[in-house]
C-alpha cells in the first residue's frame, strides 16, 4: 500500500463533531483532512472538488441527508469510499446506507483506534461494520419481513403523501427534506414493494394494509 496519507472529507451537521474528528485524525499518523461539510449537498460538491480517499458521512442532516449523498456518489462513480459514522443503528438507517453504496458503518461511540482502523480498511475497499450493525444486517438477511415492517417510518410517510397525489416537491416541503431525498425514499420503497411507479406503489400499499 502507498505511504501517502489517507485523505478524508468529514461530513456532519454538528461543528463540534467535525472539529473533534478533524483534531483526532490530524493528530493520528497517516491521515490528512481535506475538508468538512455540514450536509449531503455540500458533501457532494466537496467530494467532487477534493477527491478524498474516504468520506466520513453522518446520516441525518438538515439540507441533504447522508443516504441520498451516498447514493449520488455511487451513481457518479466517485473514487471515494464512504464510511458512515452516526449515532443511529436501526434497520431503517443501516440498510438504506449499505444499499446506497456505503463501504462501512460505524457508530460514533467507536474508540479512536477502531475508527482509525476502519478508515484504513475503507480506503482499501474493505467493508467495515460495527458489531451492533453487523448483527442487525445478519438478522435482516435471515429473517424475512413483511413489506410493512421493511418500510422505514419515513418511507411510510412518503408513501402516504404519494397516495394523496402529492408531488415530490410538495413532499420535500412537507417533510423538510430535499427533492433528491424524496426520490431516494421512493426508489427504496419501490424496491421493497416490488413496483416501478407511484400508482403501483399506492395500490400495493392499500393491498398490504400499509395505507389505511
N, C-alpha and C. Protein backbone atom coordinates (compact mmCIF):
# COMPACT_ATOMS: atom_id res chain seq x y z
N UNK A 1 0.84 -1.20 0.00
CA UNK A 1 0.00 0.00 0.00
C UNK A 1 0.88 1.25 0.00
N UNK A 2 0.41 2.35 -0.58
CA UNK A 2 1.19 3.59 -0.68
C UNK A 2 1.46 4.17 0.70
N UNK A 3 2.60 4.88 0.81
CA UNK A 3 2.92 5.57 2.06
C UNK A 3 2.24 6.93 2.15
N UNK A 4 1.55 7.33 1.08
CA UNK A 4 0.85 8.61 1.11
C UNK A 4 -0.24 8.58 2.18
N UNK A 5 -0.51 9.72 2.83
CA UNK A 5 -1.57 9.74 3.84
C UNK A 5 -2.94 9.49 3.22
N UNK A 6 -3.83 8.94 4.01
CA UNK A 6 -5.22 8.74 3.58
C UNK A 6 -5.94 10.07 3.71
N UNK A 7 -6.55 10.52 2.62
CA UNK A 7 -7.23 11.82 2.64
C UNK A 7 -8.69 11.66 3.00
N UNK A 8 -9.20 12.61 3.79
CA UNK A 8 -10.55 12.49 4.35
C UNK A 8 -11.39 13.73 4.09
N UNK A 9 -12.70 13.48 3.92
CA UNK A 9 -13.71 14.54 3.94
C UNK A 9 -14.66 14.21 5.08
N UNK A 10 -14.86 15.13 6.00
CA UNK A 10 -15.72 14.91 7.17
C UNK A 10 -17.06 15.58 6.93
N UNK A 11 -18.14 14.80 7.03
CA UNK A 11 -19.49 15.32 6.77
C UNK A 11 -20.36 15.11 8.01
N UNK A 12 -20.73 16.21 8.66
CA UNK A 12 -21.58 16.14 9.86
C UNK A 12 -22.18 17.52 10.07
N UNK A 13 -23.43 17.57 10.51
CA UNK A 13 -24.08 18.87 10.67
C UNK A 13 -23.70 19.57 11.99
N UNK A 14 -22.97 18.89 12.87
CA UNK A 14 -22.57 19.50 14.14
C UNK A 14 -21.11 19.96 14.08
N UNK A 15 -20.85 21.27 14.18
CA UNK A 15 -19.48 21.78 14.12
C UNK A 15 -18.56 21.15 15.17
N UNK A 16 -19.09 20.90 16.37
CA UNK A 16 -18.26 20.32 17.44
C UNK A 16 -17.79 18.92 17.04
N UNK A 17 -18.68 18.15 16.42
CA UNK A 17 -18.31 16.80 15.98
C UNK A 17 -17.25 16.89 14.89
N UNK A 18 -17.44 17.80 13.92
CA UNK A 18 -16.45 17.96 12.85
C UNK A 18 -15.09 18.36 13.41
N UNK A 19 -15.11 19.31 14.36
CA UNK A 19 -13.85 19.75 14.96
C UNK A 19 -13.16 18.61 15.68
N UNK A 20 -13.96 17.82 16.42
CA UNK A 20 -13.39 16.70 17.16
C UNK A 20 -12.77 15.66 16.25
N UNK A 21 -13.46 15.34 15.16
CA UNK A 21 -12.95 14.35 14.22
C UNK A 21 -11.70 14.87 13.50
N UNK A 22 -11.74 16.15 13.11
CA UNK A 22 -10.57 16.74 12.44
C UNK A 22 -9.35 16.67 13.37
N UNK A 23 -9.55 17.07 14.62
CA UNK A 23 -8.44 17.05 15.57
C UNK A 23 -7.91 15.64 15.79
N UNK A 24 -8.84 14.67 15.87
CA UNK A 24 -8.44 13.29 16.09
C UNK A 24 -7.58 12.77 14.94
N UNK A 25 -8.05 13.01 13.71
CA UNK A 25 -7.33 12.47 12.55
C UNK A 25 -6.04 13.24 12.25
N UNK A 26 -6.05 14.54 12.49
CA UNK A 26 -4.84 15.30 12.23
C UNK A 26 -3.74 14.99 13.23
N UNK A 27 -4.14 14.46 14.41
CA UNK A 27 -3.14 14.07 15.41
C UNK A 27 -2.70 12.62 15.22
N UNK A 28 -3.41 11.88 14.37
CA UNK A 28 -3.07 10.48 14.12
C UNK A 28 -2.12 10.34 12.96
N UNK A 29 -1.42 9.23 12.90
CA UNK A 29 -0.45 9.03 11.82
C UNK A 29 -1.12 8.60 10.51
N UNK A 30 -0.71 9.23 9.42
CA UNK A 30 -1.13 8.75 8.11
C UNK A 30 -2.47 9.25 7.60
N UNK A 31 -2.96 10.39 8.16
CA UNK A 31 -4.24 10.91 7.71
C UNK A 31 -4.12 12.40 7.37
N UNK A 32 -4.85 12.84 6.36
CA UNK A 32 -4.94 14.27 6.04
C UNK A 32 -6.40 14.62 5.82
N UNK A 33 -6.92 15.59 6.57
CA UNK A 33 -8.30 16.04 6.40
C UNK A 33 -8.32 17.14 5.35
N UNK A 34 -9.00 16.88 4.24
CA UNK A 34 -9.05 17.84 3.13
C UNK A 34 -10.13 18.89 3.31
N UNK A 35 -11.21 18.52 4.00
CA UNK A 35 -12.30 19.48 4.14
C UNK A 35 -13.42 18.94 5.00
N UNK A 36 -14.42 19.82 5.22
CA UNK A 36 -15.58 19.48 6.03
C UNK A 36 -16.85 19.97 5.32
N UNK A 37 -17.94 19.24 5.54
CA UNK A 37 -19.23 19.65 5.00
C UNK A 37 -20.30 19.44 6.07
N UNK A 38 -21.33 20.30 6.04
CA UNK A 38 -22.38 20.24 7.06
C UNK A 38 -23.62 19.49 6.59
N UNK A 39 -23.67 19.11 5.31
CA UNK A 39 -24.82 18.34 4.82
C UNK A 39 -24.44 17.60 3.55
N UNK A 40 -25.38 16.78 3.08
CA UNK A 40 -25.10 15.94 1.92
C UNK A 40 -24.85 16.71 0.64
N UNK A 41 -25.54 17.83 0.47
CA UNK A 41 -25.37 18.62 -0.75
C UNK A 41 -23.96 19.18 -0.82
N UNK A 42 -23.50 19.77 0.29
CA UNK A 42 -22.14 20.31 0.33
C UNK A 42 -21.12 19.19 0.20
N UNK A 43 -21.45 18.02 0.77
CA UNK A 43 -20.53 16.88 0.68
C UNK A 43 -20.29 16.47 -0.76
N UNK A 44 -21.34 16.47 -1.57
CA UNK A 44 -21.21 16.09 -2.98
C UNK A 44 -20.30 17.07 -3.72
N UNK A 45 -20.49 18.36 -3.45
CA UNK A 45 -19.67 19.37 -4.12
C UNK A 45 -18.20 19.23 -3.72
N UNK A 46 -17.95 19.04 -2.42
CA UNK A 46 -16.57 18.94 -1.95
C UNK A 46 -15.91 17.63 -2.37
N UNK A 47 -16.70 16.56 -2.37
CA UNK A 47 -16.14 15.27 -2.80
C UNK A 47 -15.66 15.36 -4.26
N UNK A 48 -16.45 16.06 -5.08
CA UNK A 48 -16.05 16.23 -6.47
C UNK A 48 -14.82 17.11 -6.62
N UNK A 49 -14.71 18.14 -5.78
CA UNK A 49 -13.60 19.08 -5.90
C UNK A 49 -12.31 18.56 -5.26
N UNK A 50 -12.45 17.84 -4.14
CA UNK A 50 -11.27 17.44 -3.36
C UNK A 50 -10.80 16.01 -3.64
N UNK A 51 -11.71 15.15 -4.14
CA UNK A 51 -11.38 13.76 -4.46
C UNK A 51 -10.71 13.03 -3.28
N UNK A 52 -11.38 12.96 -2.12
CA UNK A 52 -10.77 12.29 -0.96
C UNK A 52 -10.77 10.77 -1.13
N UNK A 53 -9.93 10.12 -0.35
CA UNK A 53 -9.92 8.65 -0.34
C UNK A 53 -11.15 8.12 0.38
N UNK A 54 -11.50 8.78 1.50
CA UNK A 54 -12.61 8.31 2.34
C UNK A 54 -13.47 9.50 2.75
N UNK A 55 -14.79 9.30 2.69
CA UNK A 55 -15.74 10.29 3.21
C UNK A 55 -16.34 9.73 4.49
N UNK A 56 -16.15 10.45 5.60
CA UNK A 56 -16.81 10.09 6.86
C UNK A 56 -18.17 10.77 6.85
N UNK A 57 -19.25 9.98 6.76
CA UNK A 57 -20.57 10.52 6.46
C UNK A 57 -21.56 10.30 7.61
N UNK A 58 -22.10 11.40 8.13
CA UNK A 58 -23.23 11.29 9.05
C UNK A 58 -24.47 11.02 8.20
N UNK A 59 -25.56 10.55 8.82
CA UNK A 59 -26.74 10.21 8.04
C UNK A 59 -27.84 11.26 8.09
N UNK A 60 -28.24 11.67 9.27
CA UNK A 60 -29.39 12.58 9.39
C UNK A 60 -28.90 14.01 9.52
N UNK A 61 -29.05 14.76 8.42
CA UNK A 61 -28.59 16.15 8.41
C UNK A 61 -29.60 17.02 7.68
N UNK A 62 -29.95 18.17 8.25
CA UNK A 62 -30.83 19.10 7.53
C UNK A 62 -30.14 19.56 6.25
N UNK A 63 -30.91 19.75 5.20
CA UNK A 63 -30.35 20.29 3.97
C UNK A 63 -29.77 19.24 3.03
N UNK A 64 -29.92 17.97 3.35
CA UNK A 64 -29.41 16.91 2.47
C UNK A 64 -28.86 15.77 3.29
N UNK A 65 -29.60 14.65 3.34
CA UNK A 65 -29.17 13.57 4.23
C UNK A 65 -28.06 12.71 3.63
N UNK A 66 -27.48 11.87 4.49
CA UNK A 66 -26.33 11.08 4.09
C UNK A 66 -26.63 10.00 3.07
N UNK A 67 -27.78 9.32 3.22
CA UNK A 67 -28.10 8.22 2.30
C UNK A 67 -28.23 8.72 0.87
N UNK A 68 -28.90 9.86 0.70
CA UNK A 68 -29.05 10.43 -0.64
C UNK A 68 -27.68 10.80 -1.23
N UNK A 69 -26.80 11.35 -0.37
CA UNK A 69 -25.46 11.72 -0.84
C UNK A 69 -24.65 10.48 -1.22
N UNK A 70 -24.77 9.42 -0.42
CA UNK A 70 -24.06 8.17 -0.72
C UNK A 70 -24.53 7.62 -2.06
N UNK A 71 -25.86 7.60 -2.25
CA UNK A 71 -26.42 7.08 -3.50
C UNK A 71 -25.93 7.88 -4.70
N UNK A 72 -25.84 9.19 -4.54
CA UNK A 72 -25.39 10.04 -5.65
C UNK A 72 -23.90 9.85 -5.92
N UNK A 73 -23.10 9.70 -4.88
CA UNK A 73 -21.67 9.43 -5.08
C UNK A 73 -21.48 8.11 -5.82
N UNK A 74 -22.29 7.12 -5.45
CA UNK A 74 -22.23 5.82 -6.13
C UNK A 74 -22.62 5.97 -7.60
N UNK A 75 -23.69 6.74 -7.84
CA UNK A 75 -24.16 6.94 -9.22
C UNK A 75 -23.09 7.61 -10.07
N UNK A 76 -22.37 8.55 -9.46
CA UNK A 76 -21.33 9.29 -10.19
C UNK A 76 -20.05 8.47 -10.38
N UNK A 77 -19.98 7.32 -9.71
CA UNK A 77 -18.77 6.51 -9.80
C UNK A 77 -17.60 7.14 -9.09
N UNK A 78 -17.88 7.84 -7.99
CA UNK A 78 -16.82 8.52 -7.24
C UNK A 78 -15.80 7.52 -6.71
N UNK A 79 -14.54 7.94 -6.70
CA UNK A 79 -13.46 7.08 -6.20
C UNK A 79 -13.52 6.91 -4.68
N UNK A 80 -14.03 7.92 -4.00
CA UNK A 80 -14.05 7.92 -2.54
C UNK A 80 -14.87 6.77 -1.97
N UNK A 81 -14.35 6.17 -0.92
CA UNK A 81 -15.11 5.19 -0.14
C UNK A 81 -15.87 5.93 0.94
N UNK A 82 -17.11 5.52 1.20
CA UNK A 82 -17.91 6.19 2.22
C UNK A 82 -18.00 5.33 3.47
N UNK A 83 -17.57 5.89 4.59
CA UNK A 83 -17.68 5.23 5.88
C UNK A 83 -18.71 6.02 6.70
N UNK A 84 -19.86 5.40 6.94
CA UNK A 84 -20.90 6.06 7.73
C UNK A 84 -20.46 6.10 9.19
N UNK A 85 -20.60 7.28 9.79
CA UNK A 85 -20.29 7.44 11.21
C UNK A 85 -21.47 8.18 11.83
N UNK A 86 -22.28 7.45 12.59
CA UNK A 86 -23.54 8.00 13.05
C UNK A 86 -23.89 7.48 14.44
N UNK A 87 -24.92 8.06 15.03
CA UNK A 87 -25.41 7.57 16.32
C UNK A 87 -26.54 6.57 16.13
N UNK A 88 -26.97 6.36 14.89
CA UNK A 88 -28.15 5.53 14.63
C UNK A 88 -27.76 4.14 14.10
N UNK A 89 -28.33 3.09 14.73
CA UNK A 89 -28.04 1.74 14.25
C UNK A 89 -29.30 0.95 13.96
N UNK A 90 -30.44 1.65 13.74
CA UNK A 90 -31.68 0.95 13.43
C UNK A 90 -31.65 0.44 11.99
N UNK A 91 -32.48 -0.57 11.73
CA UNK A 91 -32.53 -1.15 10.38
C UNK A 91 -32.88 -0.10 9.33
N UNK A 92 -33.76 0.84 9.70
CA UNK A 92 -34.21 1.83 8.72
C UNK A 92 -33.08 2.80 8.35
N UNK A 93 -32.04 2.88 9.18
CA UNK A 93 -30.88 3.70 8.85
C UNK A 93 -29.78 2.87 8.20
N UNK A 94 -29.51 1.70 8.79
CA UNK A 94 -28.38 0.87 8.36
C UNK A 94 -28.55 0.36 6.93
N UNK A 95 -29.67 -0.31 6.68
CA UNK A 95 -29.84 -0.99 5.40
C UNK A 95 -29.82 -0.04 4.20
N UNK A 96 -30.56 1.10 4.25
CA UNK A 96 -30.51 2.01 3.10
C UNK A 96 -29.10 2.54 2.84
N UNK A 97 -28.33 2.80 3.90
CA UNK A 97 -26.97 3.31 3.71
C UNK A 97 -26.08 2.29 3.03
N UNK A 98 -26.19 1.03 3.45
CA UNK A 98 -25.40 -0.03 2.83
C UNK A 98 -25.85 -0.26 1.39
N UNK A 99 -27.18 -0.26 1.19
CA UNK A 99 -27.72 -0.46 -0.16
C UNK A 99 -27.29 0.68 -1.09
N UNK A 100 -27.17 1.89 -0.55
CA UNK A 100 -26.81 3.05 -1.36
C UNK A 100 -25.36 3.01 -1.81
N UNK A 101 -24.54 2.20 -1.11
CA UNK A 101 -23.15 2.07 -1.54
C UNK A 101 -22.09 2.36 -0.49
N UNK A 102 -22.50 2.51 0.78
CA UNK A 102 -21.51 2.76 1.83
C UNK A 102 -20.58 1.55 1.98
N UNK A 103 -19.29 1.82 2.16
CA UNK A 103 -18.30 0.75 2.35
C UNK A 103 -18.33 0.24 3.78
N UNK A 104 -18.68 1.10 4.72
CA UNK A 104 -18.70 0.69 6.12
C UNK A 104 -19.66 1.51 6.93
N UNK A 105 -19.90 1.06 8.17
CA UNK A 105 -20.90 1.69 9.02
C UNK A 105 -20.44 1.55 10.47
N UNK A 106 -20.10 2.67 11.08
CA UNK A 106 -19.66 2.67 12.48
C UNK A 106 -20.52 3.62 13.29
N UNK A 107 -20.58 3.36 14.59
CA UNK A 107 -21.30 4.25 15.49
C UNK A 107 -20.31 5.24 16.11
N UNK A 108 -20.84 6.41 16.50
CA UNK A 108 -19.96 7.48 16.98
C UNK A 108 -19.30 7.17 18.33
N UNK A 109 -19.76 6.11 18.99
CA UNK A 109 -19.09 5.75 20.24
C UNK A 109 -17.91 4.81 20.03
N UNK A 110 -17.53 4.59 18.76
CA UNK A 110 -16.39 3.72 18.46
C UNK A 110 -15.11 4.33 19.04
N UNK A 111 -14.23 3.50 19.63
CA UNK A 111 -12.96 4.00 20.15
C UNK A 111 -12.10 4.58 19.02
N UNK A 112 -11.21 5.48 19.40
CA UNK A 112 -10.33 6.16 18.45
C UNK A 112 -9.57 5.19 17.55
N UNK A 113 -8.93 4.18 18.14
CA UNK A 113 -8.14 3.24 17.36
C UNK A 113 -9.01 2.42 16.40
N UNK A 114 -10.24 2.10 16.83
CA UNK A 114 -11.16 1.36 15.96
C UNK A 114 -11.54 2.21 14.75
N UNK A 115 -11.72 3.50 14.99
CA UNK A 115 -12.06 4.41 13.90
C UNK A 115 -10.90 4.54 12.91
N UNK A 116 -9.69 4.66 13.43
CA UNK A 116 -8.51 4.72 12.56
C UNK A 116 -8.42 3.46 11.69
N UNK A 117 -8.59 2.31 12.35
CA UNK A 117 -8.50 1.03 11.63
C UNK A 117 -9.59 0.94 10.55
N UNK A 118 -10.78 1.41 10.90
CA UNK A 118 -11.90 1.36 9.96
C UNK A 118 -11.65 2.24 8.74
N UNK A 119 -11.09 3.42 8.96
CA UNK A 119 -10.80 4.32 7.83
C UNK A 119 -9.73 3.71 6.93
N UNK A 120 -8.71 3.11 7.52
CA UNK A 120 -7.67 2.47 6.70
C UNK A 120 -8.27 1.33 5.88
N UNK A 121 -9.14 0.55 6.51
CA UNK A 121 -9.78 -0.57 5.81
C UNK A 121 -10.68 -0.06 4.68
N UNK A 122 -11.45 0.99 4.97
CA UNK A 122 -12.34 1.57 3.95
C UNK A 122 -11.53 2.08 2.77
N UNK A 123 -10.39 2.71 3.05
CA UNK A 123 -9.54 3.23 1.98
C UNK A 123 -9.06 2.12 1.05
N UNK A 124 -8.95 0.91 1.61
CA UNK A 124 -8.53 -0.24 0.81
C UNK A 124 -9.72 -0.96 0.17
N UNK A 125 -10.93 -0.44 0.41
CA UNK A 125 -12.11 -1.03 -0.18
C UNK A 125 -12.71 -2.19 0.60
N UNK A 126 -12.25 -2.36 1.85
CA UNK A 126 -12.77 -3.45 2.67
C UNK A 126 -13.98 -2.97 3.48
N UNK A 127 -14.97 -3.84 3.63
CA UNK A 127 -16.18 -3.50 4.36
C UNK A 127 -15.91 -3.51 5.86
N UNK A 128 -16.39 -2.47 6.53
CA UNK A 128 -16.21 -2.34 7.98
C UNK A 128 -17.57 -2.09 8.61
N UNK A 129 -17.97 -2.95 9.55
CA UNK A 129 -19.24 -2.77 10.24
C UNK A 129 -19.04 -2.90 11.74
N UNK A 130 -19.66 -2.00 12.50
CA UNK A 130 -19.60 -2.15 13.95
C UNK A 130 -20.33 -3.44 14.31
N UNK A 131 -19.97 -4.09 15.42
CA UNK A 131 -20.62 -5.35 15.80
C UNK A 131 -22.14 -5.25 15.87
N UNK A 132 -22.65 -4.14 16.41
CA UNK A 132 -24.10 -3.98 16.52
C UNK A 132 -24.76 -3.94 15.15
N UNK A 133 -24.12 -3.23 14.22
CA UNK A 133 -24.68 -3.11 12.87
C UNK A 133 -24.57 -4.45 12.14
N UNK A 134 -23.45 -5.13 12.30
CA UNK A 134 -23.25 -6.42 11.64
C UNK A 134 -24.33 -7.41 12.07
N UNK A 135 -24.63 -7.44 13.36
CA UNK A 135 -25.64 -8.39 13.84
C UNK A 135 -27.02 -8.05 13.30
N UNK A 136 -27.31 -6.74 13.16
CA UNK A 136 -28.59 -6.34 12.59
C UNK A 136 -28.71 -6.76 11.13
N UNK A 137 -27.63 -6.60 10.39
CA UNK A 137 -27.66 -6.98 8.98
C UNK A 137 -27.85 -8.47 8.82
N UNK A 138 -27.17 -9.26 9.65
CA UNK A 138 -27.33 -10.71 9.59
C UNK A 138 -28.76 -11.09 9.91
N UNK A 139 -29.34 -10.45 10.93
CA UNK A 139 -30.73 -10.75 11.30
C UNK A 139 -31.69 -10.37 10.17
N UNK A 140 -31.42 -9.25 9.52
CA UNK A 140 -32.29 -8.80 8.43
C UNK A 140 -32.26 -9.79 7.27
N UNK A 141 -31.08 -10.36 7.01
CA UNK A 141 -30.94 -11.32 5.93
C UNK A 141 -31.63 -12.64 6.29
N UNK A 142 -31.50 -13.04 7.53
CA UNK A 142 -32.04 -14.34 7.95
C UNK A 142 -33.54 -14.31 8.24
N UNK A 143 -34.07 -13.14 8.59
CA UNK A 143 -35.46 -13.05 9.00
C UNK A 143 -36.27 -12.29 7.96
N UNK A 144 -37.06 -12.99 7.13
CA UNK A 144 -37.88 -12.28 6.15
C UNK A 144 -38.86 -11.35 6.87
N UNK A 145 -39.09 -10.18 6.28
CA UNK A 145 -40.01 -9.22 6.87
C UNK A 145 -41.16 -8.96 5.90
N UNK A 146 -42.27 -8.51 6.46
CA UNK A 146 -43.37 -8.10 5.60
C UNK A 146 -43.02 -6.76 4.99
N UNK A 147 -43.74 -6.39 3.94
CA UNK A 147 -43.48 -5.10 3.30
C UNK A 147 -43.67 -3.96 4.30
N UNK A 148 -44.70 -4.10 5.16
CA UNK A 148 -44.97 -3.03 6.11
C UNK A 148 -43.82 -2.89 7.10
N UNK A 149 -43.29 -4.02 7.56
CA UNK A 149 -42.18 -3.98 8.51
C UNK A 149 -40.92 -3.44 7.86
N UNK A 150 -40.71 -3.75 6.58
CA UNK A 150 -39.46 -3.38 5.93
C UNK A 150 -39.41 -1.91 5.55
N UNK A 151 -40.57 -1.27 5.39
CA UNK A 151 -40.58 0.16 5.08
C UNK A 151 -40.23 0.95 6.34
N UNK A 152 -39.33 1.90 6.19
CA UNK A 152 -38.99 2.76 7.33
C UNK A 152 -40.15 3.72 7.60
N UNK A 153 -40.11 4.35 8.75
CA UNK A 153 -41.17 5.30 9.10
C UNK A 153 -41.24 6.43 8.07
N UNK A 154 -40.07 6.91 7.64
CA UNK A 154 -40.06 7.98 6.65
C UNK A 154 -40.60 7.51 5.30
N UNK A 155 -40.26 6.27 4.91
CA UNK A 155 -40.79 5.72 3.65
C UNK A 155 -42.31 5.60 3.70
N UNK A 156 -42.85 5.23 4.87
CA UNK A 156 -44.31 5.15 5.00
C UNK A 156 -44.94 6.54 4.91
N UNK A 157 -44.24 7.54 5.47
CA UNK A 157 -44.73 8.92 5.36
C UNK A 157 -44.77 9.36 3.90
N UNK A 158 -43.71 9.05 3.17
CA UNK A 158 -43.64 9.41 1.75
C UNK A 158 -44.75 8.72 0.98
N UNK A 159 -44.95 7.42 1.25
CA UNK A 159 -45.98 6.66 0.54
C UNK A 159 -47.37 7.23 0.82
N UNK A 160 -47.63 7.60 2.07
CA UNK A 160 -48.93 8.18 2.41
C UNK A 160 -49.18 9.48 1.66
N UNK A 161 -48.14 10.29 1.51
CA UNK A 161 -48.28 11.55 0.77
C UNK A 161 -48.46 11.30 -0.72
N UNK A 162 -47.75 10.28 -1.23
CA UNK A 162 -47.94 9.91 -2.64
C UNK A 162 -49.39 9.49 -2.88
N UNK A 163 -49.95 8.76 -1.94
CA UNK A 163 -51.33 8.28 -2.08
C UNK A 163 -52.32 9.44 -2.15
N UNK A 164 -51.94 10.60 -1.60
CA UNK A 164 -52.81 11.78 -1.65
C UNK A 164 -52.57 12.60 -2.90
N UNK A 165 -51.68 12.10 -3.79
CA UNK A 165 -51.41 12.82 -5.03
C UNK A 165 -50.41 13.94 -4.88
N UNK A 166 -49.62 13.90 -3.81
CA UNK A 166 -48.65 14.97 -3.53
C UNK A 166 -47.43 14.83 -4.44
N UNK A 167 -46.96 15.92 -5.00
CA UNK A 167 -45.78 15.90 -5.87
C UNK A 167 -44.51 15.75 -5.04
N UNK A 168 -43.40 15.39 -5.70
CA UNK A 168 -42.13 15.26 -4.99
C UNK A 168 -41.74 16.58 -4.32
N UNK A 169 -41.96 17.70 -5.02
CA UNK A 169 -41.60 19.00 -4.45
C UNK A 169 -42.43 19.28 -3.20
N UNK A 170 -43.72 18.96 -3.26
CA UNK A 170 -44.59 19.19 -2.11
C UNK A 170 -44.24 18.26 -0.95
N UNK A 171 -43.86 17.01 -1.28
CA UNK A 171 -43.43 16.08 -0.23
C UNK A 171 -42.18 16.60 0.45
N UNK A 172 -41.24 17.08 -0.35
CA UNK A 172 -39.98 17.62 0.20
C UNK A 172 -40.28 18.77 1.16
N UNK A 173 -41.21 19.64 0.75
CA UNK A 173 -41.55 20.79 1.59
C UNK A 173 -42.25 20.34 2.88
N UNK A 174 -43.14 19.36 2.76
CA UNK A 174 -43.89 18.89 3.92
C UNK A 174 -43.00 18.20 4.95
N UNK A 175 -42.00 17.47 4.47
CA UNK A 175 -41.14 16.69 5.37
C UNK A 175 -39.81 17.37 5.66
N UNK A 176 -39.61 18.57 5.11
CA UNK A 176 -38.38 19.35 5.34
C UNK A 176 -37.13 18.58 4.89
N UNK A 177 -37.24 17.96 3.70
CA UNK A 177 -36.11 17.27 3.10
C UNK A 177 -35.97 17.73 1.66
N UNK A 178 -34.90 17.34 1.00
CA UNK A 178 -34.69 17.75 -0.39
C UNK A 178 -35.48 16.85 -1.34
N UNK A 179 -35.70 17.35 -2.56
CA UNK A 179 -36.37 16.51 -3.57
C UNK A 179 -35.54 15.28 -3.89
N UNK A 180 -34.21 15.43 -3.87
CA UNK A 180 -33.34 14.28 -4.13
C UNK A 180 -33.56 13.20 -3.08
N UNK A 181 -33.76 13.62 -1.83
CA UNK A 181 -34.01 12.66 -0.76
C UNK A 181 -35.35 11.97 -0.95
N UNK A 182 -36.35 12.74 -1.39
CA UNK A 182 -37.67 12.14 -1.68
C UNK A 182 -37.52 11.05 -2.74
N UNK A 183 -36.77 11.35 -3.79
CA UNK A 183 -36.57 10.37 -4.86
C UNK A 183 -35.86 9.13 -4.36
N UNK A 184 -34.89 9.33 -3.43
CA UNK A 184 -34.19 8.18 -2.86
C UNK A 184 -35.16 7.31 -2.06
N UNK A 185 -36.01 7.95 -1.25
CA UNK A 185 -37.00 7.18 -0.48
C UNK A 185 -37.95 6.42 -1.41
N UNK A 186 -38.36 7.09 -2.51
CA UNK A 186 -39.25 6.42 -3.46
C UNK A 186 -38.57 5.22 -4.09
N UNK A 187 -37.31 5.38 -4.46
CA UNK A 187 -36.56 4.26 -5.05
C UNK A 187 -36.52 3.07 -4.10
N UNK A 188 -36.25 3.36 -2.82
CA UNK A 188 -36.17 2.28 -1.83
C UNK A 188 -37.53 1.61 -1.61
N UNK A 189 -38.59 2.41 -1.51
CA UNK A 189 -39.89 1.78 -1.24
C UNK A 189 -40.42 1.06 -2.47
N UNK A 190 -40.10 1.54 -3.68
CA UNK A 190 -40.46 0.79 -4.89
C UNK A 190 -39.82 -0.59 -4.86
N UNK A 191 -38.53 -0.62 -4.51
CA UNK A 191 -37.81 -1.89 -4.47
C UNK A 191 -38.41 -2.83 -3.43
N UNK A 192 -38.73 -2.28 -2.27
CA UNK A 192 -39.28 -3.12 -1.20
C UNK A 192 -40.68 -3.65 -1.53
N UNK A 193 -41.46 -2.85 -2.28
CA UNK A 193 -42.82 -3.26 -2.63
C UNK A 193 -42.86 -4.04 -3.95
N UNK A 194 -41.73 -4.06 -4.67
CA UNK A 194 -41.68 -4.78 -5.93
C UNK A 194 -42.45 -4.09 -7.04
N UNK A 195 -42.40 -2.75 -7.07
CA UNK A 195 -43.15 -1.99 -8.08
C UNK A 195 -42.19 -1.03 -8.79
N UNK A 196 -42.72 -0.37 -9.84
CA UNK A 196 -41.88 0.52 -10.64
C UNK A 196 -42.39 1.96 -10.72
N UNK A 197 -43.58 2.22 -10.17
CA UNK A 197 -44.09 3.59 -10.26
C UNK A 197 -44.99 3.91 -9.07
N UNK A 198 -45.39 5.18 -9.02
CA UNK A 198 -46.17 5.69 -7.88
C UNK A 198 -47.53 5.00 -7.76
N UNK A 199 -48.21 4.85 -8.90
CA UNK A 199 -49.55 4.26 -8.86
C UNK A 199 -49.51 2.83 -8.33
N UNK A 200 -48.55 2.05 -8.80
CA UNK A 200 -48.43 0.67 -8.34
C UNK A 200 -48.06 0.62 -6.86
N UNK A 201 -47.22 1.55 -6.41
CA UNK A 201 -46.83 1.59 -5.00
C UNK A 201 -48.04 1.85 -4.12
N UNK A 202 -48.90 2.78 -4.54
CA UNK A 202 -50.11 3.09 -3.78
C UNK A 202 -51.04 1.88 -3.75
N UNK A 203 -51.21 1.23 -4.91
CA UNK A 203 -52.08 0.06 -4.98
C UNK A 203 -51.60 -1.05 -4.05
N UNK A 204 -50.30 -1.33 -4.08
CA UNK A 204 -49.74 -2.37 -3.21
C UNK A 204 -49.83 -1.92 -1.75
N UNK A 205 -49.64 -0.63 -1.51
CA UNK A 205 -49.74 -0.12 -0.15
C UNK A 205 -51.10 -0.37 0.46
N UNK A 206 -52.16 -0.13 -0.32
CA UNK A 206 -53.51 -0.41 0.17
C UNK A 206 -53.75 -1.91 0.29
N UNK A 207 -53.28 -2.66 -0.69
CA UNK A 207 -53.50 -4.10 -0.72
C UNK A 207 -52.89 -4.79 0.50
N UNK A 208 -51.71 -4.31 0.94
CA UNK A 208 -51.00 -4.95 2.04
C UNK A 208 -51.26 -4.29 3.39
N UNK A 209 -52.16 -3.33 3.40
CA UNK A 209 -52.52 -2.71 4.67
C UNK A 209 -51.53 -1.68 5.18
N UNK A 210 -50.58 -1.27 4.34
CA UNK A 210 -49.61 -0.25 4.75
C UNK A 210 -50.31 1.10 4.81
N UNK A 211 -51.19 1.33 3.84
CA UNK A 211 -52.01 2.53 3.82
C UNK A 211 -53.39 2.18 4.39
N UNK A 212 -53.94 3.09 5.18
CA UNK A 212 -55.20 2.79 5.82
C UNK A 212 -56.38 2.72 4.86
